[in-house]
C-alpha atoms as a PDB file:
ATOM      1  CA  MET A   1      -3.729 -34.705 234.059  1.00  0.00           C
ATOM      2  CA  ASN A   2      -6.042 -33.889 231.077  1.00  0.00           C
ATOM      3  CA  ARG A   3      -5.167 -30.375 231.433  1.00  0.00           C
ATOM      4  CA  ILE A   4      -1.339 -30.983 231.376  1.00  0.00           C
ATOM      5  CA  VAL A   5      -1.631 -33.080 228.108  1.00  0.00           C
ATOM      6  CA  PHE A   6      -3.999 -30.344 226.667  1.00  0.00           C
ATOM      7  CA  LEU A   7      -1.511 -27.434 227.606  1.00  0.00           C
ATOM      8  CA  ILE A   8       1.366 -29.272 226.145  1.00  0.00           C
ATOM      9  CA  THR A   9      -0.371 -29.974 222.861  1.00  0.00           C
ATOM     10  CA  PHE A  10      -1.591 -26.282 222.710  1.00  0.00           C
ATOM     11  CA  LEU A  11       2.037 -25.050 223.163  1.00  0.00           C
ATOM     12  CA  ILE A  12       3.531 -27.560 220.577  1.00  0.00           C
ATOM     13  CA  HIS A  13       0.927 -27.081 217.934  1.00  0.00           C
ATOM     14  CA  GLY A  14      -0.280 -23.598 218.650  1.00  0.00           C
ATOM     15  CA  THR A  15      -3.954 -24.629 218.177  1.00  0.00           C
ATOM     16  CA  CYS A  16      -6.617 -25.055 220.512  1.00  0.00           C
ATOM     17  CA  VAL A  17      -7.939 -28.561 220.675  1.00  0.00           C
ATOM     18  CA  ALA A  18     -11.483 -29.066 221.812  1.00  0.00           C
ATOM     19  CA  ASN A  19     -11.526 -30.350 225.273  1.00  0.00           C
ATOM     20  CA  ASP A  20     -14.922 -32.048 224.917  1.00  0.00           C
ATOM     21  CA  GLU A  21     -13.904 -34.056 221.928  1.00  0.00           C
ATOM     22  CA  PHE A  22     -10.840 -35.217 223.995  1.00  0.00           C
ATOM     23  CA  THR A  23     -12.837 -36.164 226.869  1.00  0.00           C
ATOM     24  CA  GLN A  24     -15.534 -37.987 224.651  1.00  0.00           C
ATOM     25  CA  LEU A  25     -12.827 -39.965 223.034  1.00  0.00           C
ATOM     26  CA  THR A  26     -10.887 -40.813 226.362  1.00  0.00           C
ATOM     27  CA  LYS A  27     -14.189 -41.815 227.995  1.00  0.00           C
ATOM     28  CA  SER A  28     -15.221 -44.091 225.051  1.00  0.00           C
ATOM     29  CA  ILE A  29     -11.974 -46.026 224.319  1.00  0.00           C
ATOM     30  CA  TYR A  30     -10.611 -48.712 226.721  1.00  0.00           C
ATOM     31  CA  CYS A  31      -7.101 -48.884 227.840  1.00  0.00           C
ATOM     32  CA  PRO A  32      -5.471 -51.884 226.157  1.00  0.00           C
ATOM     33  CA  SER A  33      -3.219 -52.545 229.095  1.00  0.00           C
ATOM     34  CA  CYS A  34      -5.751 -52.040 231.885  1.00  0.00           C
ATOM     35  CA  GLN A  35      -8.435 -54.370 232.744  1.00  0.00           C
ATOM     36  CA  GLY A  36     -11.946 -52.607 232.064  1.00  0.00           C
ATOM     37  CA  GLN A  37     -10.785 -49.102 232.427  1.00  0.00           C
ATOM     38  CA  VAL A  38     -11.186 -46.332 229.871  1.00  0.00           C
ATOM     39  CA  LEU A  39      -8.376 -43.975 228.930  1.00  0.00           C
ATOM     40  CA  ASP A  40      -9.870 -41.186 230.951  1.00  0.00           C
ATOM     41  CA  GLU A  41      -9.593 -43.310 234.152  1.00  0.00           C
ATOM     42  CA  SER A  42      -6.210 -44.839 233.424  1.00  0.00           C
ATOM     43  CA  SER A  43      -2.620 -43.434 234.129  1.00  0.00           C
ATOM     44  CA  SER A  44      -0.593 -46.304 232.783  1.00  0.00           C
ATOM     45  CA  PRO A  45       2.019 -45.565 230.281  1.00  0.00           C
ATOM     46  CA  VAL A  46       0.029 -47.011 227.443  1.00  0.00           C
ATOM     47  CA  ALA A  47      -2.971 -44.665 228.185  1.00  0.00           C
ATOM     48  CA  ILE A  48      -0.835 -41.761 228.473  1.00  0.00           C
ATOM     49  CA  GLU A  49       0.683 -42.586 225.107  1.00  0.00           C
ATOM     50  CA  MET A  50      -2.815 -43.024 223.648  1.00  0.00           C
ATOM     51  CA  LYS A  51      -3.994 -39.703 225.036  1.00  0.00           C
ATOM     52  CA  ASN A  52      -1.084 -37.949 223.636  1.00  0.00           C
ATOM     53  CA  GLN A  53      -1.819 -39.407 220.163  1.00  0.00           C
ATOM     54  CA  ILE A  54      -5.586 -38.253 220.541  1.00  0.00           C
ATOM     55  CA  GLN A  55      -4.509 -34.846 221.463  1.00  0.00           C
ATOM     56  CA  GLN A  56      -2.116 -34.903 218.249  1.00  0.00           C
ATOM     57  CA  MET A  57      -4.619 -36.306 215.947  1.00  0.00           C
ATOM     58  CA  LEU A  58      -7.376 -33.651 217.104  1.00  0.00           C
ATOM     59  CA  GLY A  59      -4.744 -30.946 216.811  1.00  0.00           C
ATOM     60  CA  SER A  60      -3.949 -32.061 213.261  1.00  0.00           C
ATOM     61  CA  GLY A  61      -7.718 -31.760 212.435  1.00  0.00           C
ATOM     62  CA  LYS A  62      -8.740 -35.528 212.562  1.00  0.00           C
ATOM     63  CA  SER A  63     -12.420 -36.075 213.529  1.00  0.00           C
ATOM     64  CA  VAL A  64     -13.586 -38.148 216.472  1.00  0.00           C
ATOM     65  CA  GLU A  65     -14.731 -40.806 214.124  1.00  0.00           C
ATOM     66  CA  GLU A  66     -11.412 -40.963 212.332  1.00  0.00           C
ATOM     67  CA  ILE A  67      -9.667 -41.288 215.463  1.00  0.00           C
ATOM     68  CA  ARG A  68     -11.913 -43.959 216.629  1.00  0.00           C
ATOM     69  CA  GLN A  69     -11.358 -45.950 213.369  1.00  0.00           C
ATOM     70  CA  HIS A  70      -7.529 -45.399 213.881  1.00  0.00           C
ATOM     71  CA  PHE A  71      -7.574 -47.134 217.305  1.00  0.00           C
ATOM     72  CA  THR A  72     -10.058 -49.853 216.124  1.00  0.00           C
ATOM     73  CA  ALA A  73      -7.702 -50.525 213.191  1.00  0.00           C
ATOM     74  CA  VAL A  74      -4.872 -50.949 215.584  1.00  0.00           C
ATOM     75  CA  TYR A  75      -6.498 -52.657 218.517  1.00  0.00           C
ATOM     76  CA  GLY A  76      -9.733 -54.120 217.124  1.00  0.00           C
ATOM     77  CA  GLU A  77     -13.316 -53.662 218.056  1.00  0.00           C
ATOM     78  CA  LYS A  78     -12.594 -54.608 221.610  1.00  0.00           C
ATOM     79  CA  ILE A  79     -11.107 -51.346 222.304  1.00  0.00           C
ATOM     80  CA  LEU A  80     -14.345 -49.386 222.016  1.00  0.00           C
ATOM     81  CA  LEU A  81     -16.583 -48.987 225.119  1.00  0.00           C
ATOM     82  CA  LYS A  82     -19.712 -49.313 222.830  1.00  0.00           C
ATOM     83  CA  PRO A  83     -18.719 -51.467 219.856  1.00  0.00           C
ATOM     84  CA  ALA A  84     -20.880 -51.114 216.580  1.00  0.00           C
ATOM     85  CA  LEU A  85     -23.326 -53.358 215.612  1.00  0.00           C
ATOM     86  CA  GLY A  86     -21.788 -55.502 212.847  1.00  0.00           C
ATOM     87  CA  THR A  87     -21.225 -59.065 211.689  1.00  0.00           C
ATOM     88  CA  TYR A  88     -18.924 -60.049 214.352  1.00  0.00           C
ATOM     89  CA  THR A  89     -20.907 -58.497 217.181  1.00  0.00           C
ATOM     90  CA  TYR A  90     -24.393 -59.548 216.457  1.00  0.00           C
ATOM     91  CA  PRO A  91     -24.113 -62.609 218.742  1.00  0.00           C
ATOM     92  CA  LEU A  92     -22.993 -60.438 221.579  1.00  0.00           C
ATOM     93  CA  TRP A  93     -26.121 -58.177 221.045  1.00  0.00           C
ATOM     94  CA  LEU A  94     -28.566 -60.945 220.638  1.00  0.00           C
ATOM     95  CA  ALA A  95     -27.243 -63.408 223.131  1.00  0.00           C
ATOM     96  CA  PRO A  96     -29.012 -61.940 226.148  1.00  0.00           C
ATOM     97  CA  PHE A  97     -32.379 -61.919 224.335  1.00  0.00           C
ATOM     98  CA  LEU A  98     -31.916 -65.444 223.005  1.00  0.00           C
ATOM     99  CA  MET A  99     -31.001 -66.743 226.609  1.00  0.00           C
ATOM    100  CA  LEU A 100     -34.048 -65.018 228.054  1.00  0.00           C
ATOM    101  CA  GLY A 101     -36.301 -66.464 225.404  1.00  0.00           C
ATOM    102  CA  THR A 102     -34.885 -70.085 225.922  1.00  0.00           C
ATOM    103  CA  ILE A 103     -35.534 -69.763 229.640  1.00  0.00           C
ATOM    104  CA  LEU A 104     -39.111 -68.583 229.345  1.00  0.00           C
ATOM    105  CA  PHE A 105     -39.592 -71.351 226.766  1.00  0.00           C
ATOM    106  CA  ILE A 106     -38.414 -74.032 229.020  1.00  0.00           C
ATOM    107  CA  MET A 107     -40.262 -72.619 231.983  1.00  0.00           C
ATOM    108  CA  LEU A 108     -43.517 -72.458 230.098  1.00  0.00           C
ATOM    109  CA  ASN A 109     -43.177 -76.088 228.809  1.00  0.00           C
ATOM    110  CA  ARG A 110     -42.122 -77.302 232.216  1.00  0.00           C
ATOM    111  CA  MET A 111     -45.286 -75.536 233.961  1.00  0.00           C
ATOM    112  CA  ARG A 112     -47.611 -77.135 231.124  1.00  0.00           C
ATOM    113  CA  PHE A 113     -46.123 -80.522 231.604  1.00  0.00           C
ATOM    114  CA  LEU A 114     -46.655 -80.301 235.562  1.00  0.00           C
ATOM    115  CA  LYS A 115     -50.200 -79.011 234.975  1.00  0.00           C
ATOM    116  CA  LYS A 116     -51.081 -81.943 232.848  1.00  0.00           C
ATOM    117  CA  ARG A 117     -49.455 -84.323 235.163  1.00  0.00           C
ATOM    118  CA  ASN A 118     -51.301 -83.062 238.096  1.00  0.00           C
ATOM    119  CA  SER A 119     -54.559 -83.039 236.211  1.00  0.00           C
ATOM    120  CA  VAL A 120     -54.064 -86.759 235.000  1.00  0.00           C
ATOM    121  CA  LYS A 121     -53.228 -87.656 238.534  1.00  0.00           C
ATOM    122  CA  SER A 122     -56.292 -86.046 240.005  1.00  0.00           C
ATOM    123  CA  THR A 123     -58.510 -87.730 237.456  1.00  0.00           C
ATOM    124  CA  THR A 124     -56.962 -91.157 238.132  1.00  0.00           C
ATOM    125  CA  GLU A 125     -57.254 -90.790 241.718  1.00  0.00           C
ATOM    126  CA  GLY A 126     -61.059 -90.090 241.326  1.00  0.00           C
ATOM    127  CA  HIS A 127     -61.522 -93.465 239.656  1.00  0.00           C
ATOM    128  CA  VAL A 128     -59.807 -95.453 242.419  1.00  0.00           C
END
């Protein structure tokens, strides 16, 4: 499928579009109409249209970053496989570490509490 799109773009524009840039983009942008699929894996009409847009943009000399920015402007950060670390994505990147830290904190406090309770219990049992 990628070869057909590449061939059509080559014939229309008369320029050779770098196939690795096309593959890089289609593997790093989600299909907006498919659940969890990148453009490279999808054959939906929306994905095919987006692939054609990517080929046209590459053919007209736009960089990979400019094309990513275009799709991000149209669809938002959720379209990217690896969203940039920014104001809105900090919670997403930090949440796993905060949850792990919270779980460890709770576990350590619980272990200390149980240890104290057992030591108090053993000292009171010795006095009976």
